[in-house]
Amino acid sequence: MNDSELITPEVLIPRLGDQLVKMDLLTEAQLQQALAYQRQQAAKNQPCLLGQAAVELNFLDRPTLDRAVTEQIVRLRSALEDANRNLELRVQLRTTELEEALRKLSDLNQLKANFVANVSHELRTPLTHIRGYLELLQTESLGGLNADQKKALEVSLRSSNRLQALIDDLILFSLASRGELTLQLRPVDLNRAISLVAARATPKATERSLTLAMEIGSNLPDVQADEEKLSWVLAQLLDNAIKFTPPGGKVTLNVTREEKMALVSVTDTGIGIPAERLKEVFEPFHQLDSSATRRYGGTGLGLALVRQIVEAHGSVIEIHSRPEQGTIVSFPLVFSLKNE
């Protein structure tokens, strides 16, 4: 039964006038007269109920009307009880259906995470061999190389590094999806972590003619974090900002102290994101531009993993953006207990 077929008390119980005719207390002609009288009284601003109109016209007496109304009320209450039972059954059925759909979705997500993990691990082994031989060639351990061969080898190594990073991201995503993302929390020197991340990001910023700035408050205490995963988050945010900022723009990694926390933010002067699409950036495997001719590469995993890692630290990531003006991504980290 669909919603349009739901039986309501109004469907089950006829109007009082029809009920009086059905009980042979009124004829159809008397009912029409009573309705006409009711309309006349309403026109005089003296509204009356149908039963009252029938009594005033001497079609039936008050006790008979009271019995008819009582019977109508009993039937209405019975119909309401039936409707409530029907509604409860429908709710139970829908709840069962939703629970089953949720179970299937959970199984599907688990299957997807397992598939991603298995494929990623299978890709890692041959890639390790490829990278090993590329590095041997680069060091000319297997013989000398001419200029063209060295250039081709550099391109191959860059591509293998990108593939390695992609595989690592997929493995990290599969762990997070299965609830197996673990953190090794310990005091982390933000200045040191940011310096290392910035050193790796600088060449890419320079290649794209961007200004990369670090603005870090002085004498910041250590934060409580997983240094490896925090560094990955910072690197991902910087890489994302650099990718979506046109030449001549600026990317800034800023850390300020706010009471017992350090507020980390990455600001860019890039293309920005419309307000109605901000939530989409955290969806895994999702690109805002999903067309076949999209300008910017990537799997759409970066910010999804960033949010999972930040939330695993007990923090919350926020994003503010305006089209053609830039984006700010920020999150707080608590200071290490040893600083208190």
C-alpha atoms as a PDB file:
ATOM      1  CA  MET A   1       0.000   0.000   0.000  1.00  0.00           C
ATOM      2  CA  ASN A   2       1.471   3.390  -0.972  1.00  0.00           C
ATOM      3  CA  ASP A   3       0.860   6.721   0.764  1.00  0.00           C
ATOM      4  CA  SER A   4      -2.000   7.625  -1.605  1.00  0.00           C
ATOM      5  CA  GLU A   5      -3.829   4.448  -0.539  1.00  0.00           C
ATOM      6  CA  LEU A   6      -3.602   5.185   3.190  1.00  0.00           C
ATOM      7  CA  ILE A   7      -7.064   4.742   4.764  1.00  0.00           C
ATOM      8  CA  THR A   8      -8.029   7.670   6.977  1.00  0.00           C
ATOM      9  CA  PRO A   9     -10.930   7.943   9.449  1.00  0.00           C
ATOM     10  CA  GLU A  10     -12.579  10.467   7.119  1.00  0.00           C
ATOM     11  CA  VAL A  11     -12.706   7.792   4.410  1.00  0.00           C
ATOM     12  CA  LEU A  12     -14.140   5.168   6.761  1.00  0.00           C
ATOM     13  CA  ILE A  13     -16.767   7.328   8.486  1.00  0.00           C
ATOM     14  CA  PRO A  14     -19.512   9.034   6.437  1.00  0.00           C
ATOM     15  CA  ARG A  15     -20.656  12.540   7.241  1.00  0.00           C
ATOM     16  CA  LEU A  16     -23.427  12.870   9.826  1.00  0.00           C
ATOM     17  CA  GLY A  17     -26.090  13.651   7.233  1.00  0.00           C
ATOM     18  CA  ASP A  18     -25.280  10.563   5.168  1.00  0.00           C
ATOM     19  CA  GLN A  19     -25.242   8.528   8.370  1.00  0.00           C
ATOM     20  CA  LEU A  20     -28.717   9.793   9.387  1.00  0.00           C
ATOM     21  CA  VAL A  21     -30.060   8.838   5.941  1.00  0.00           C
ATOM     22  CA  LYS A  22     -28.392   5.448   6.162  1.00  0.00           C
ATOM     23  CA  MET A  23     -30.016   4.874   9.570  1.00  0.00           C
ATOM     24  CA  ASP A  24     -33.435   5.804   8.082  1.00  0.00           C
ATOM     25  CA  LEU A  25     -33.699   8.717  10.489  1.00  0.00           C
ATOM     26  CA  LEU A  26     -33.865  11.187   7.611  1.00  0.00           C
ATOM     27  CA  THR A  27     -34.962  10.924   4.011  1.00  0.00           C
ATOM     28  CA  GLU A  28     -32.735  12.294   1.274  1.00  0.00           C
ATOM     29  CA  ALA A  29     -35.261  15.102   0.724  1.00  0.00           C
ATOM     30  CA  GLN A  30     -35.201  15.990   4.445  1.00  0.00           C
ATOM     31  CA  LEU A  31     -31.414  16.012   4.404  1.00  0.00           C
ATOM     32  CA  GLN A  32     -31.387  18.496   1.525  1.00  0.00           C
ATOM     33  CA  GLN A  33     -33.929  20.678   3.348  1.00  0.00           C
ATOM     34  CA  ALA A  34     -31.820  20.597   6.510  1.00  0.00           C
ATOM     35  CA  LEU A  35     -28.709  21.580   4.517  1.00  0.00           C
ATOM     36  CA  ALA A  36     -30.629  24.443   2.877  1.00  0.00           C
ATOM     37  CA  TYR A  37     -31.863  25.607   6.295  1.00  0.00           C
ATOM     38  CA  GLN A  38     -28.292  25.428   7.596  1.00  0.00           C
ATOM     39  CA  ARG A  39     -27.092  27.667   4.745  1.00  0.00           C
ATOM     40  CA  GLN A  40     -29.908  30.135   5.383  1.00  0.00           C
ATOM     41  CA  GLN A  41     -29.003  30.415   9.050  1.00  0.00           C
ATOM     42  CA  ALA A  42     -25.355  30.899   8.162  1.00  0.00           C
ATOM     43  CA  ALA A  43     -26.333  33.720   5.776  1.00  0.00           C
ATOM     44  CA  LYS A  44     -28.130  35.392   8.732  1.00  0.00           C
ATOM     45  CA  ASN A  45     -24.886  35.051  10.717  1.00  0.00           C
ATOM     46  CA  GLN A  46     -26.630  32.443  12.908  1.00  0.00           C
ATOM     47  CA  PRO A  47     -24.703  29.275  12.058  1.00  0.00           C
ATOM     48  CA  CYS A  48     -26.072  25.965  13.286  1.00  0.00           C
ATOM     49  CA  LEU A  49     -24.968  22.348  13.033  1.00  0.00           C
ATOM     50  CA  LEU A  50     -26.723  19.932  10.682  1.00  0.00           C
ATOM     51  CA  GLY A  51     -28.216  17.911  13.554  1.00  0.00           C
ATOM     52  CA  GLN A  52     -29.545  21.077  15.154  1.00  0.00           C
ATOM     53  CA  ALA A  53     -31.130  22.085  11.820  1.00  0.00           C
ATOM     54  CA  ALA A  54     -32.877  18.707  11.567  1.00  0.00           C
ATOM     55  CA  VAL A  55     -34.246  19.078  15.117  1.00  0.00           C
ATOM     56  CA  GLU A  56     -35.459  22.634  14.515  1.00  0.00           C
ATOM     57  CA  LEU A  57     -37.260  21.444  11.372  1.00  0.00           C
ATOM     58  CA  ASN A  58     -38.884  18.658  13.458  1.00  0.00           C
ATOM     59  CA  PHE A  59     -37.376  15.922  11.258  1.00  0.00           C
ATOM     60  CA  LEU A  60     -36.113  14.116  14.380  1.00  0.00           C
ATOM     61  CA  ASP A  61     -36.023  14.676  18.130  1.00  0.00           C
ATOM     62  CA  ARG A  62     -33.010  15.477  20.312  1.00  0.00           C
ATOM     63  CA  PRO A  63     -32.631  11.992  21.941  1.00  0.00           C
ATOM     64  CA  THR A  64     -32.616  10.350  18.515  1.00  0.00           C
ATOM     65  CA  LEU A  65     -29.999  12.821  17.299  1.00  0.00           C
ATOM     66  CA  ASP A  66     -27.882  12.203  20.419  1.00  0.00           C
ATOM     67  CA  ARG A  67     -27.960   8.441  19.808  1.00  0.00           C
ATOM     68  CA  ALA A  68     -26.917   8.943  16.179  1.00  0.00           C
ATOM     69  CA  VAL A  69     -24.078  11.264  17.173  1.00  0.00           C
ATOM     70  CA  THR A  70     -22.925   8.806  19.878  1.00  0.00           C
ATOM     71  CA  GLU A  71     -22.855   6.004  17.348  1.00  0.00           C
ATOM     72  CA  GLN A  72     -20.907   8.248  14.985  1.00  0.00           C
ATOM     73  CA  ILE A  73     -18.329   8.976  17.719  1.00  0.00           C
ATOM     74  CA  VAL A  74     -17.938   5.268  18.550  1.00  0.00           C
ATOM     75  CA  ARG A  75     -17.401   4.416  14.909  1.00  0.00           C
ATOM     76  CA  LEU A  76     -14.926   7.289  14.532  1.00  0.00           C
ATOM     77  CA  ARG A  77     -12.903   6.124  17.552  1.00  0.00           C
ATOM     78  CA  SER A  78     -12.822   2.590  16.163  1.00  0.00           C
ATOM     79  CA  ALA A  79     -11.693   3.909  12.796  1.00  0.00           C
ATOM     80  CA  LEU A  80      -8.954   5.970  14.480  1.00  0.00           C
ATOM     81  CA  GLU A  81      -7.698   2.898  16.326  1.00  0.00           C
ATOM     82  CA  ASP A  82      -7.621   0.942  13.058  1.00  0.00           C
ATOM     83  CA  ALA A  83      -5.802   3.794  11.327  1.00  0.00           C
ATOM     84  CA  ASN A  84      -3.229   3.976  14.147  1.00  0.00           C
ATOM     85  CA  ARG A  85      -2.598   0.231  13.944  1.00  0.00           C
ATOM     86  CA  ASN A  86      -2.183   0.533  10.192  1.00  0.00           C
ATOM     87  CA  LEU A  87       0.241   3.424  10.647  1.00  0.00           C
ATOM     88  CA  GLU A  88       2.289   1.470  13.196  1.00  0.00           C
ATOM     89  CA  LEU A  89       2.556  -1.445  10.782  1.00  0.00           C
ATOM     90  CA  ARG A  90       3.652   0.904   7.994  1.00  0.00           C
ATOM     91  CA  VAL A  91       6.278   2.501  10.255  1.00  0.00           C
ATOM     92  CA  GLN A  92       7.609  -0.935  11.255  1.00  0.00           C
ATOM     93  CA  LEU A  93       7.769  -1.952   7.592  1.00  0.00           C
ATOM     94  CA  ARG A  94       9.577   1.230   6.566  1.00  0.00           C
ATOM     95  CA  THR A  95      11.981   0.916   9.502  1.00  0.00           C
ATOM     96  CA  THR A  96      12.814  -2.641   8.472  1.00  0.00           C
ATOM     97  CA  GLU A  97      13.336  -1.521   4.890  1.00  0.00           C
ATOM     98  CA  LEU A  98      15.619   1.342   5.963  1.00  0.00           C
ATOM     99  CA  GLU A  99      17.636  -0.937   8.253  1.00  0.00           C
ATOM    100  CA  GLU A 100      18.101  -3.386   5.393  1.00  0.00           C
ATOM    101  CA  ALA A 101      19.142  -0.576   3.027  1.00  0.00           C
ATOM    102  CA  LEU A 102      21.596   0.710   5.644  1.00  0.00           C
ATOM    103  CA  ARG A 103      23.046  -2.791   6.082  1.00  0.00           C
ATOM    104  CA  LYS A 104      23.499  -3.166   2.324  1.00  0.00           C
ATOM    105  CA  LEU A 105      25.133   0.267   2.135  1.00  0.00           C
ATOM    106  CA  SER A 106      27.482  -0.652   4.979  1.00  0.00           C
ATOM    107  CA  ASP A 107      28.366  -3.932   3.242  1.00  0.00           C
ATOM    108  CA  LEU A 108      28.971  -2.050  -0.002  1.00  0.00           C
ATOM    109  CA  ASN A 109      31.240   0.482   1.699  1.00  0.00           C
ATOM    110  CA  GLN A 110      33.158  -2.338   3.359  1.00  0.00           C
ATOM    111  CA  LEU A 111      33.498  -4.124   0.021  1.00  0.00           C
ATOM    112  CA  LYS A 112      34.712  -0.917  -1.615  1.00  0.00           C
ATOM    113  CA  ALA A 113      37.256  -0.290   1.141  1.00  0.00           C
ATOM    114  CA  ASN A 114      38.530  -3.875   0.934  1.00  0.00           C
ATOM    115  CA  PHE A 115      38.768  -3.657  -2.853  1.00  0.00           C
ATOM    116  CA  VAL A 116      40.687  -0.373  -2.699  1.00  0.00           C
ATOM    117  CA  ALA A 117      43.039  -1.784  -0.062  1.00  0.00           C
ATOM    118  CA  ASN A 118      43.720  -5.024  -1.960  1.00  0.00           C
ATOM    119  CA  VAL A 119      44.279  -3.310  -5.302  1.00  0.00           C
ATOM    120  CA  SER A 120      46.508  -0.674  -3.701  1.00  0.00           C
ATOM    121  CA  HIS A 121      48.713  -3.286  -2.054  1.00  0.00           C
ATOM    122  CA  GLU A 122      48.930  -5.242  -5.299  1.00  0.00           C
ATOM    123  CA  LEU A 123      50.000  -2.088  -7.151  1.00  0.00           C
ATOM    124  CA  ARG A 124      52.623  -1.204  -4.567  1.00  0.00           C
ATOM    125  CA  THR A 125      54.807  -4.278  -5.191  1.00  0.00           C
ATOM    126  CA  PRO A 126      55.394  -3.843  -8.945  1.00  0.00           C
ATOM    127  CA  LEU A 127      55.754  -0.083  -8.487  1.00  0.00           C
ATOM    128  CA  THR A 128      58.530  -0.672  -5.961  1.00  0.00           C
ATOM    129  CA  HIS A 129      60.400  -2.711  -8.564  1.00  0.00           C
ATOM    130  CA  ILE A 130      59.878  -0.044 -11.213  1.00  0.00           C
ATOM    131  CA  ARG A 131      61.090   2.718  -8.920  1.00  0.00           C
ATOM    132  CA  GLY A 132      64.099   0.640  -7.918  1.00  0.00           C
ATOM    133  CA  TYR A 133      65.255   0.190 -11.504  1.00  0.00           C
ATOM    134  CA  LEU A 134      64.538   3.828 -12.336  1.00  0.00           C
ATOM    135  CA  GLU A 135      66.758   4.897  -9.439  1.00  0.00           C
ATOM    136  CA  LEU A 136      69.493   2.530 -10.623  1.00  0.00           C
ATOM    137  CA  LEU A 137      69.294   4.091 -14.066  1.00  0.00           C
ATOM    138  CA  GLN A 138      69.325   7.595 -12.603  1.00  0.00           C
ATOM    139  CA  THR A 139      72.531   6.928 -10.677  1.00  0.00           C
ATOM    140  CA  GLU A 140      73.951   5.376 -13.884  1.00  0.00           C
ATOM    141  CA  SER A 141      74.667   2.172 -12.006  1.00  0.00           C
ATOM    142  CA  LEU A 142      73.602   0.273 -15.118  1.00  0.00           C
ATOM    143  CA  GLY A 143      75.579   2.417 -17.548  1.00  0.00           C
ATOM    144  CA  GLY A 144      75.910   5.995 -18.724  1.00  0.00           C
ATOM    145  CA  LEU A 145      73.014   8.066 -20.061  1.00  0.00           C
ATOM    146  CA  ASN A 146      72.862  10.814 -22.642  1.00  0.00           C
ATOM    147  CA  ALA A 147      70.964  14.078 -22.069  1.00  0.00           C
ATOM    148  CA  ASP A 148      67.712  12.895 -23.674  1.00  0.00           C
ATOM    149  CA  GLN A 149      67.731   9.675 -21.680  1.00  0.00           C
ATOM    150  CA  LYS A 150      68.277  11.605 -18.437  1.00  0.00           C
ATOM    151  CA  LYS A 151      65.344  13.897 -19.259  1.00  0.00           C
ATOM    152  CA  ALA A 152      63.084  10.938 -20.031  1.00  0.00           C
ATOM    153  CA  LEU A 153      64.186   9.277 -16.804  1.00  0.00           C
ATOM    154  CA  GLU A 154      63.332  12.388 -14.763  1.00  0.00           C
ATOM    155  CA  VAL A 155      59.807  12.392 -16.219  1.00  0.00           C
ATOM    156  CA  SER A 156      59.447   8.686 -15.420  1.00  0.00           C
ATOM    157  CA  LEU A 157      60.589   9.203 -11.839  1.00  0.00           C
ATOM    158  CA  ARG A 158      58.170  12.089 -11.316  1.00  0.00           C
ATOM    159  CA  SER A 159      55.337   9.959 -12.657  1.00  0.00           C
ATOM    160  CA  SER A 160      56.288   7.039 -10.411  1.00  0.00           C
ATOM    161  CA  ASN A 161      56.387   9.397  -7.413  1.00  0.00           C
ATOM    162  CA  ARG A 162      52.869  10.599  -8.240  1.00  0.00           C
ATOM    163  CA  LEU A 163      51.683   7.018  -8.579  1.00  0.00           C
ATOM    164  CA  GLN A 164      53.316   6.115  -5.265  1.00  0.00           C
ATOM    165  CA  ALA A 165      51.564   9.028  -3.552  1.00  0.00           C
ATOM    166  CA  LEU A 166      48.239   7.963  -5.072  1.00  0.00           C
ATOM    167  CA  ILE A 167      48.650   4.391  -3.837  1.00  0.00           C
ATOM    168  CA  ASP A 168      49.572   5.608  -0.364  1.00  0.00           C
ATOM    169  CA  ASP A 169      46.457   7.814  -0.325  1.00  0.00           C
ATOM    170  CA  LEU A 170      44.254   4.896  -1.396  1.00  0.00           C
ATOM    171  CA  ILE A 171      45.656   2.685   1.357  1.00  0.00           C
ATOM    172  CA  LEU A 172      45.150   5.447   3.924  1.00  0.00           C
ATOM    173  CA  PHE A 173      41.584   5.945   2.679  1.00  0.00           C
ATOM    174  CA  SER A 174      40.811   2.230   2.938  1.00  0.00           C
ATOM    175  CA  LEU A 175      42.103   2.185   6.532  1.00  0.00           C
ATOM    176  CA  ALA A 176      39.983   5.212   7.444  1.00  0.00           C
ATOM    177  CA  SER A 177      36.897   3.726   5.759  1.00  0.00           C
ATOM    178  CA  ARG A 178      37.243   0.531   7.798  1.00  0.00           C
ATOM    179  CA  GLY A 179      37.769   2.427  11.035  1.00  0.00           C
ATOM    180  CA  GLU A 180      41.380   1.288  11.215  1.00  0.00           C
ATOM    181  CA  LEU A 181      43.000   4.725  11.104  1.00  0.00           C
ATOM    182  CA  THR A 182      45.292   4.831  14.136  1.00  0.00           C
ATOM    183  CA  LEU A 183      47.210   7.783  15.497  1.00  0.00           C
ATOM    184  CA  GLN A 184      50.486   7.861  17.368  1.00  0.00           C
ATOM    185  CA  LEU A 185      49.885  10.963  19.458  1.00  0.00           C
ATOM    186  CA  ARG A 186      52.919  12.667  20.918  1.00  0.00           C
ATOM    187  CA  PRO A 187      54.268  16.225  21.308  1.00  0.00           C
ATOM    188  CA  VAL A 188      54.987  17.694  17.857  1.00  0.00           C
ATOM    189  CA  ASP A 189      57.102  20.783  17.121  1.00  0.00           C
ATOM    190  CA  LEU A 190      54.940  22.667  14.617  1.00  0.00           C
ATOM    191  CA  ASN A 191      57.810  24.870  13.463  1.00  0.00           C
ATOM    192  CA  ARG A 192      59.854  21.828  12.498  1.00  0.00           C
ATOM    193  CA  ALA A 193      56.962  19.980  10.871  1.00  0.00           C
ATOM    194  CA  ILE A 194      55.927  23.029   8.846  1.00  0.00           C
ATOM    195  CA  SER A 195      59.487  23.771   7.746  1.00  0.00           C
ATOM    196  CA  LEU A 196      59.853  20.266   6.320  1.00  0.00           C
ATOM    197  CA  VAL A 197      56.496  20.429   4.557  1.00  0.00           C
ATOM    198  CA  ALA A 198      57.201  23.911   3.181  1.00  0.00           C
ATOM    199  CA  ALA A 199      60.597  22.797   1.828  1.00  0.00           C
ATOM    200  CA  ARG A 200      58.864  20.094  -0.221  1.00  0.00           C
ATOM    201  CA  ALA A 201      56.137  22.458  -1.435  1.00  0.00           C
ATOM    202  CA  THR A 202      58.412  25.356  -2.405  1.00  0.00           C
ATOM    203  CA  PRO A 203      59.655  23.920  -5.755  1.00  0.00           C
ATOM    204  CA  LYS A 204      56.081  23.383  -6.971  1.00  0.00           C
ATOM    205  CA  ALA A 205      55.066  26.898  -5.897  1.00  0.00           C
ATOM    206  CA  THR A 206      58.104  28.356  -7.665  1.00  0.00           C
ATOM    207  CA  GLU A 207      57.330  26.356 -10.805  1.00  0.00           C
ATOM    208  CA  ARG A 208      53.831  27.901 -10.860  1.00  0.00           C
ATOM    209  CA  SER A 209      55.156  31.424 -10.133  1.00  0.00           C
ATOM    210  CA  LEU A 210      53.430  31.594  -6.744  1.00  0.00           C
ATOM    211  CA  THR A 211      54.494  33.167  -3.471  1.00  0.00           C
ATOM    212  CA  LEU A 212      54.588  30.638  -0.635  1.00  0.00           C
ATOM    213  CA  ALA A 213      54.613  32.249   2.815  1.00  0.00           C
ATOM    214  CA  MET A 214      54.828  30.834   6.334  1.00  0.00           C
ATOM    215  CA  GLU A 215      53.421  32.939   9.171  1.00  0.00           C
ATOM    216  CA  ILE A 216      53.984  31.173  12.479  1.00  0.00           C
ATOM    217  CA  GLY A 217      53.542  32.696  15.901  1.00  0.00           C
ATOM    218  CA  SER A 218      56.612  32.917  18.096  1.00  0.00           C
ATOM    219  CA  ASN A 219      57.245  30.555  21.013  1.00  0.00           C
ATOM    220  CA  LEU A 220      54.448  28.159  20.081  1.00  0.00           C
ATOM    221  CA  PRO A 221      54.307  25.134  22.393  1.00  0.00           C
ATOM    222  CA  ASP A 222      54.274  21.630  20.941  1.00  0.00           C
ATOM    223  CA  VAL A 223      50.908  20.289  19.857  1.00  0.00           C
ATOM    224  CA  GLN A 224      49.528  16.834  20.603  1.00  0.00           C
ATOM    225  CA  ALA A 225      49.379  15.068  17.239  1.00  0.00           C
ATOM    226  CA  ASP A 226      50.527  12.247  15.008  1.00  0.00           C
ATOM    227  CA  GLU A 227      53.474  13.966  13.316  1.00  0.00           C
ATOM    228  CA  GLU A 228      53.469  11.817  10.172  1.00  0.00           C
ATOM    229  CA  LYS A 229      49.749  12.226   9.512  1.00  0.00           C
ATOM    230  CA  LEU A 230      49.744  15.906  10.492  1.00  0.00           C
ATOM    231  CA  SER A 231      52.578  16.511   8.017  1.00  0.00           C
ATOM    232  CA  TRP A 232      50.558  14.701   5.363  1.00  0.00           C
ATOM    233  CA  VAL A 233      47.565  16.958   6.099  1.00  0.00           C
ATOM    234  CA  LEU A 234      49.679  20.119   5.848  1.00  0.00           C
ATOM    235  CA  ALA A 235      51.312  18.906   2.635  1.00  0.00           C
ATOM    236  CA  GLN A 236      47.936  18.057   1.130  1.00  0.00           C
ATOM    237  CA  LEU A 237      46.437  21.447   2.015  1.00  0.00           C
ATOM    238  CA  LEU A 238      49.442  23.287   0.571  1.00  0.00           C
ATOM    239  CA  ASP A 239      49.430  21.145  -2.564  1.00  0.00           C
ATOM    240  CA  ASN A 240      45.712  21.774  -3.025  1.00  0.00           C
ATOM    241  CA  ALA A 241      46.111  25.535  -2.547  1.00  0.00           C
ATOM    242  CA  ILE A 242      49.018  25.664  -5.003  1.00  0.00           C
ATOM    243  CA  LYS A 243      47.115  23.626  -7.593  1.00  0.00           C
ATOM    244  CA  PHE A 244      44.081  25.930  -7.574  1.00  0.00           C
ATOM    245  CA  THR A 245      45.931  29.264  -7.408  1.00  0.00           C
ATOM    246  CA  PRO A 246      46.797  30.919 -10.736  1.00  0.00           C
ATOM    247  CA  PRO A 247      50.339  32.218 -11.438  1.00  0.00           C
ATOM    248  CA  GLY A 248      51.169  35.383  -9.530  1.00  0.00           C
ATOM    249  CA  GLY A 249      49.010  34.379  -6.570  1.00  0.00           C
ATOM    250  CA  LYS A 250      49.927  33.668  -2.971  1.00  0.00           C
ATOM    251  CA  VAL A 251      49.584  30.705  -0.631  1.00  0.00           C
ATOM    252  CA  THR A 252      50.052  31.229   3.102  1.00  0.00           C
ATOM    253  CA  LEU A 253      50.340  28.713   5.917  1.00  0.00           C
ATOM    254  CA  ASN A 254      49.464  30.504   9.134  1.00  0.00           C
ATOM    255  CA  VAL A 255      49.636  29.292  12.745  1.00  0.00           C
ATOM    256  CA  THR A 256      48.400  31.428  15.630  1.00  0.00           C
ATOM    257  CA  ARG A 257      47.924  30.750  19.301  1.00  0.00           C
ATOM    258  CA  GLU A 258      44.388  30.768  20.699  1.00  0.00           C
ATOM    259  CA  GLU A 259      44.322  29.976  24.427  1.00  0.00           C
ATOM    260  CA  LYS A 260      45.271  26.281  24.733  1.00  0.00           C
ATOM    261  CA  MET A 261      45.221  25.604  21.013  1.00  0.00           C
ATOM    262  CA  ALA A 262      47.156  26.356  17.869  1.00  0.00           C
ATOM    263  CA  LEU A 263      44.961  27.418  14.940  1.00  0.00           C
ATOM    264  CA  VAL A 264      46.420  26.151  11.677  1.00  0.00           C
ATOM    265  CA  SER A 265      45.167  27.668   8.432  1.00  0.00           C
ATOM    266  CA  VAL A 266      46.111  27.577   4.764  1.00  0.00           C
ATOM    267  CA  THR A 267      45.003  30.592   2.731  1.00  0.00           C
ATOM    268  CA  ASP A 268      45.203  31.018  -1.028  1.00  0.00           C
ATOM    269  CA  THR A 269      44.218  33.615  -3.607  1.00  0.00           C
ATOM    270  CA  GLY A 270      42.934  30.945  -5.969  1.00  0.00           C
ATOM    271  CA  ILE A 271      39.770  30.282  -7.941  1.00  0.00           C
ATOM    272  CA  GLY A 272      37.604  29.776  -4.857  1.00  0.00           C
ATOM    273  CA  ILE A 273      34.492  27.641  -4.407  1.00  0.00           C
ATOM    274  CA  PRO A 274      30.802  28.644  -4.574  1.00  0.00           C
ATOM    275  CA  ALA A 275      29.135  28.555  -1.144  1.00  0.00           C
ATOM    276  CA  GLU A 276      26.538  25.981  -2.224  1.00  0.00           C
ATOM    277  CA  ARG A 277      29.294  23.529  -3.221  1.00  0.00           C
ATOM    278  CA  LEU A 278      31.592  23.794  -0.201  1.00  0.00           C
ATOM    279  CA  LYS A 279      30.351  20.527   1.349  1.00  0.00           C
ATOM    280  CA  GLU A 280      31.195  18.625  -1.828  1.00  0.00           C
ATOM    281  CA  VAL A 281      34.947  19.129  -1.429  1.00  0.00           C
ATOM    282  CA  PHE A 282      35.016  16.616   1.450  1.00  0.00           C
ATOM    283  CA  GLU A 283      33.312  13.826  -0.514  1.00  0.00           C
ATOM    284  CA  PRO A 284      35.745  11.007  -1.457  1.00  0.00           C
ATOM    285  CA  PHE A 285      36.440  10.414  -5.151  1.00  0.00           C
ATOM    286  CA  HIS A 286      34.542  13.594  -5.999  1.00  0.00           C
ATOM    287  CA  GLN A 287      35.701  16.485  -8.161  1.00  0.00           C
ATOM    288  CA  LEU A 288      33.801  19.762  -8.409  1.00  0.00           C
ATOM    289  CA  ASP A 289      34.675  19.689 -12.104  1.00  0.00           C
ATOM    290  CA  SER A 290      33.920  16.110 -13.139  1.00  0.00           C
ATOM    291  CA  SER A 291      33.832  16.743 -16.872  1.00  0.00           C
ATOM    292  CA  ALA A 292      36.054  14.848 -19.264  1.00  0.00           C
ATOM    293  CA  THR A 293      37.923  18.081 -20.010  1.00  0.00           C
ATOM    294  CA  ARG A 294      38.473  19.171 -16.428  1.00  0.00           C
ATOM    295  CA  ARG A 295      41.500  21.369 -15.947  1.00  0.00           C
ATOM    296  CA  TYR A 296      42.732  20.146 -12.570  1.00  0.00           C
ATOM    297  CA  GLY A 297      43.852  16.608 -11.870  1.00  0.00           C
ATOM    298  CA  GLY A 298      43.502  14.470  -8.772  1.00  0.00           C
ATOM    299  CA  THR A 299      41.386  11.645  -7.411  1.00  0.00           C
ATOM    300  CA  GLY A 300      39.210  13.736  -5.098  1.00  0.00           C
ATOM    301  CA  LEU A 301      40.560  11.872  -2.060  1.00  0.00           C
ATOM    302  CA  GLY A 302      42.766  14.598  -0.595  1.00  0.00           C
ATOM    303  CA  LEU A 303      40.347  16.727   1.408  1.00  0.00           C
ATOM    304  CA  ALA A 304      38.218  13.713   2.331  1.00  0.00           C
ATOM    305  CA  LEU A 305      41.262  12.168   4.012  1.00  0.00           C
ATOM    306  CA  VAL A 306      42.317  15.505   5.482  1.00  0.00           C
ATOM    307  CA  ARG A 307      38.974  15.792   7.264  1.00  0.00           C
ATOM    308  CA  GLN A 308      39.127  12.200   8.557  1.00  0.00           C
ATOM    309  CA  ILE A 309      42.634  12.697   9.934  1.00  0.00           C
ATOM    310  CA  VAL A 310      41.806  16.071  11.494  1.00  0.00           C
ATOM    311  CA  GLU A 311      38.652  14.653  13.111  1.00  0.00           C
ATOM    312  CA  ALA A 312      40.641  11.655  14.371  1.00  0.00           C
ATOM    313  CA  HIS A 313      42.717  14.243  16.275  1.00  0.00           C
ATOM    314  CA  GLY A 314      39.506  15.397  17.975  1.00  0.00           C
ATOM    315  CA  SER A 315      39.446  18.563  15.894  1.00  0.00           C
ATOM    316  CA  VAL A 316      37.136  20.070  13.271  1.00  0.00           C
ATOM    317  CA  ILE A 317      38.132  21.398   9.873  1.00  0.00           C
ATOM    318  CA  GLU A 318      36.473  24.515   8.483  1.00  0.00           C
ATOM    319  CA  ILE A 319      36.550  25.936   4.986  1.00  0.00           C
ATOM    320  CA  HIS A 320      35.637  29.444   3.862  1.00  0.00           C
ATOM    321  CA  SER A 321      35.787  30.415   0.224  1.00  0.00           C
ATOM    322  CA  ARG A 322      34.592  32.952  -2.331  1.00  0.00           C
ATOM    323  CA  PRO A 323      34.791  32.464  -6.094  1.00  0.00           C
ATOM    324  CA  GLU A 324      37.734  34.266  -7.704  1.00  0.00           C
ATOM    325  CA  GLN A 325      38.918  35.507  -4.295  1.00  0.00           C
ATOM    326  CA  GLY A 326      40.404  32.451  -2.642  1.00  0.00           C
ATOM    327  CA  THR A 327      39.947  29.882   0.071  1.00  0.00           C
ATOM    328  CA  ILE A 328      40.834  29.469   3.744  1.00  0.00           C
ATOM    329  CA  VAL A 329      41.010  26.001   5.300  1.00  0.00           C
ATOM    330  CA  SER A 330      41.636  25.881   9.047  1.00  0.00           C
ATOM    331  CA  PHE A 331      41.596  23.588  12.070  1.00  0.00           C
ATOM    332  CA  PRO A 332      42.748  23.840  15.706  1.00  0.00           C
ATOM    333  CA  LEU A 333      45.166  21.513  17.498  1.00  0.00           C
ATOM    334  CA  VAL A 334      45.485  21.265  21.270  1.00  0.00           C
ATOM    335  CA  PHE A 335      48.825  21.903  22.886  1.00  0.00           C
ATOM    336  CA  SER A 336      50.683  18.970  24.380  1.00  0.00           C
ATOM    337  CA  LEU A 337      50.028  18.276  28.074  1.00  0.00           C
ATOM    338  CA  LYS A 338      53.722  18.645  28.798  1.00  0.00           C
ATOM    339  CA  ASN A 339      53.371  22.372  28.083  1.00  0.00           C
ATOM    340  CA  GLU A 340      50.850  22.892  30.887  1.00  0.00           C
END
